[in-house]
Amino acid sequence: MQSLGINSESIDYEVALENLGQRLQPFIMALQHEREKAQPSAALIAYCEAQMAAISNLQEDLRVNDHETIARILNPQDSVFGPRTAQEPAHP
């Protein structure tokens, strides 16, 4: 079988990047919703922007050989990267 140059390390890396991209969505939605309010909460806007910046920075800085971080991102039981929790804004 011909190798396409794709290995599980590369696949895990790409899936981790996609996972991080999906984690941006609740913050994008909450930010949009908050900005549409007559009196938006500056604190919530700052929180969403900070979370989005942190996720974006991680996406940019993550390397294919960051095995432990990638494993954590892909682990649904990880305390930082696991399932979305109450710390993330819910879409109203």
C-alpha atoms as a PDB file:
ATOM      1  CA  MET A   1       0.000   0.000   0.000  1.00  0.00           C
ATOM      2  CA  GLN A   2       1.325   3.421  -0.912  1.00  0.00           C
ATOM      3  CA  SER A   3       2.009   5.793   1.982  1.00  0.00           C
ATOM      4  CA  LEU A   4       0.370   9.177   1.732  1.00  0.00           C
ATOM      5  CA  GLY A   5       2.729  10.654   4.318  1.00  0.00           C
ATOM      6  CA  ILE A   6      -0.046  10.798   6.873  1.00  0.00           C
ATOM      7  CA  ASN A   7       0.479   9.176  10.244  1.00  0.00           C
ATOM      8  CA  SER A   8      -1.487   9.026  13.448  1.00  0.00           C
ATOM      9  CA  GLU A   9       0.681  11.791  14.931  1.00  0.00           C
ATOM     10  CA  SER A  10      -0.321  14.153  12.113  1.00  0.00           C
ATOM     11  CA  ILE A  11      -3.954  13.115  12.336  1.00  0.00           C
ATOM     12  CA  ASP A  12      -4.046  13.670  16.102  1.00  0.00           C
ATOM     13  CA  TYR A  13      -2.484  17.102  15.586  1.00  0.00           C
ATOM     14  CA  GLU A  14      -5.109  18.087  13.008  1.00  0.00           C
ATOM     15  CA  VAL A  15      -7.948  16.762  15.186  1.00  0.00           C
ATOM     16  CA  ALA A  16      -6.577  18.720  18.160  1.00  0.00           C
ATOM     17  CA  LEU A  17      -6.531  21.909  16.065  1.00  0.00           C
ATOM     18  CA  GLU A  18     -10.113  21.255  14.965  1.00  0.00           C
ATOM     19  CA  ASN A  19     -11.141  20.623  18.567  1.00  0.00           C
ATOM     20  CA  LEU A  20      -9.653  23.951  19.627  1.00  0.00           C
ATOM     21  CA  GLY A  21     -11.460  25.681  16.773  1.00  0.00           C
ATOM     22  CA  GLN A  22     -14.741  24.211  17.953  1.00  0.00           C
ATOM     23  CA  ARG A  23     -14.037  25.464  21.476  1.00  0.00           C
ATOM     24  CA  LEU A  24     -13.987  29.010  20.083  1.00  0.00           C
ATOM     25  CA  GLN A  25     -17.609  28.809  18.947  1.00  0.00           C
ATOM     26  CA  PRO A  26     -19.387  29.299  22.302  1.00  0.00           C
ATOM     27  CA  PHE A  27     -17.271  32.379  22.976  1.00  0.00           C
ATOM     28  CA  ILE A  28     -17.911  33.810  19.520  1.00  0.00           C
ATOM     29  CA  MET A  29     -21.641  33.307  19.960  1.00  0.00           C
ATOM     30  CA  ALA A  30     -21.678  34.736  23.497  1.00  0.00           C
ATOM     31  CA  LEU A  31     -19.636  37.733  22.383  1.00  0.00           C
ATOM     32  CA  GLN A  32     -21.964  38.439  19.483  1.00  0.00           C
ATOM     33  CA  HIS A  33     -25.033  38.075  21.697  1.00  0.00           C
ATOM     34  CA  GLU A  34     -23.578  40.298  24.416  1.00  0.00           C
ATOM     35  CA  ARG A  35     -22.596  43.048  21.980  1.00  0.00           C
ATOM     36  CA  GLU A  36     -26.150  43.146  20.628  1.00  0.00           C
ATOM     37  CA  LYS A  37     -27.554  44.056  24.051  1.00  0.00           C
ATOM     38  CA  ALA A  38     -28.524  47.625  24.881  1.00  0.00           C
ATOM     39  CA  GLN A  39     -26.182  47.496  27.869  1.00  0.00           C
ATOM     40  CA  PRO A  40     -23.533  44.849  27.179  1.00  0.00           C
ATOM     41  CA  SER A  41     -21.401  43.565  30.019  1.00  0.00           C
ATOM     42  CA  ALA A  42     -17.835  44.772  29.589  1.00  0.00           C
ATOM     43  CA  ALA A  43     -16.697  42.018  31.950  1.00  0.00           C
ATOM     44  CA  LEU A  44     -18.287  39.261  29.875  1.00  0.00           C
ATOM     45  CA  ILE A  45     -16.920  40.750  26.655  1.00  0.00           C
ATOM     46  CA  ALA A  46     -13.413  40.896  28.145  1.00  0.00           C
ATOM     47  CA  TYR A  47     -13.740  37.310  29.384  1.00  0.00           C
ATOM     48  CA  CYS A  48     -14.842  35.995  25.994  1.00  0.00           C
ATOM     49  CA  GLU A  49     -12.116  37.920  24.195  1.00  0.00           C
ATOM     50  CA  ALA A  50      -9.468  36.602  26.597  1.00  0.00           C
ATOM     51  CA  GLN A  51     -10.652  33.010  26.195  1.00  0.00           C
ATOM     52  CA  MET A  52     -10.707  33.363  22.414  1.00  0.00           C
ATOM     53  CA  ALA A  53      -7.195  34.846  22.411  1.00  0.00           C
ATOM     54  CA  ALA A  54      -5.887  32.034  24.607  1.00  0.00           C
ATOM     55  CA  ILE A  55      -7.400  29.351  22.370  1.00  0.00           C
ATOM     56  CA  SER A  56      -6.133  31.079  19.223  1.00  0.00           C
ATOM     57  CA  ASN A  57      -2.637  31.369  20.693  1.00  0.00           C
ATOM     58  CA  LEU A  58      -2.660  27.682  21.549  1.00  0.00           C
ATOM     59  CA  GLN A  59      -3.752  26.837  18.003  1.00  0.00           C
ATOM     60  CA  GLU A  60      -0.933  28.940  16.571  1.00  0.00           C
ATOM     61  CA  ASP A  61       1.731  27.655  18.966  1.00  0.00           C
ATOM     62  CA  LEU A  62       0.763  23.960  18.969  1.00  0.00           C
ATOM     63  CA  ARG A  63       3.258  21.753  17.143  1.00  0.00           C
ATOM     64  CA  VAL A  64       2.847  18.226  15.838  1.00  0.00           C
ATOM     65  CA  ASN A  65       5.436  17.006  18.357  1.00  0.00           C
ATOM     66  CA  ASP A  66       3.570  18.488  21.367  1.00  0.00           C
ATOM     67  CA  HIS A  67       2.393  14.979  22.185  1.00  0.00           C
ATOM     68  CA  GLU A  68       1.309  15.540  25.789  1.00  0.00           C
ATOM     69  CA  THR A  69      -0.676  18.685  24.997  1.00  0.00           C
ATOM     70  CA  ILE A  70      -2.329  17.040  21.987  1.00  0.00           C
ATOM     71  CA  ALA A  71      -3.234  14.026  24.123  1.00  0.00           C
ATOM     72  CA  ARG A  72      -4.790  16.339  26.709  1.00  0.00           C
ATOM     73  CA  ILE A  73      -6.789  18.217  24.068  1.00  0.00           C
ATOM     74  CA  LEU A  74      -8.124  14.921  22.718  1.00  0.00           C
ATOM     75  CA  ASN A  75      -8.884  13.438  26.150  1.00  0.00           C
ATOM     76  CA  PRO A  76     -12.575  14.003  26.982  1.00  0.00           C
ATOM     77  CA  GLN A  77     -11.758  13.464  30.681  1.00  0.00           C
ATOM     78  CA  ASP A  78      -9.053  16.164  30.816  1.00  0.00           C
ATOM     79  CA  SER A  79      -9.841  18.848  33.390  1.00  0.00           C
ATOM     80  CA  VAL A  80      -8.784  21.667  31.054  1.00  0.00           C
ATOM     81  CA  PHE A  81      -9.748  20.399  27.612  1.00  0.00           C
ATOM     82  CA  GLY A  82     -12.468  17.886  28.453  1.00  0.00           C
ATOM     83  CA  PRO A  83     -16.165  18.420  27.880  1.00  0.00           C
ATOM     84  CA  ARG A  84     -17.416  21.961  27.945  1.00  0.00           C
ATOM     85  CA  THR A  85     -18.204  23.007  31.473  1.00  0.00           C
ATOM     86  CA  ALA A  86     -20.101  25.751  33.229  1.00  0.00           C
ATOM     87  CA  GLN A  87     -17.003  27.953  32.931  1.00  0.00           C
ATOM     88  CA  GLU A  88     -17.777  28.402  29.254  1.00  0.00           C
ATOM     89  CA  PRO A  89     -20.618  30.717  28.353  1.00  0.00           C
ATOM     90  CA  ALA A  90     -23.795  28.994  27.345  1.00  0.00           C
ATOM     91  CA  HIS A  91     -25.578  30.110  24.206  1.00  0.00           C
ATOM     92  CA  PRO A  92     -28.750  31.831  25.382  1.00  0.00           C
END
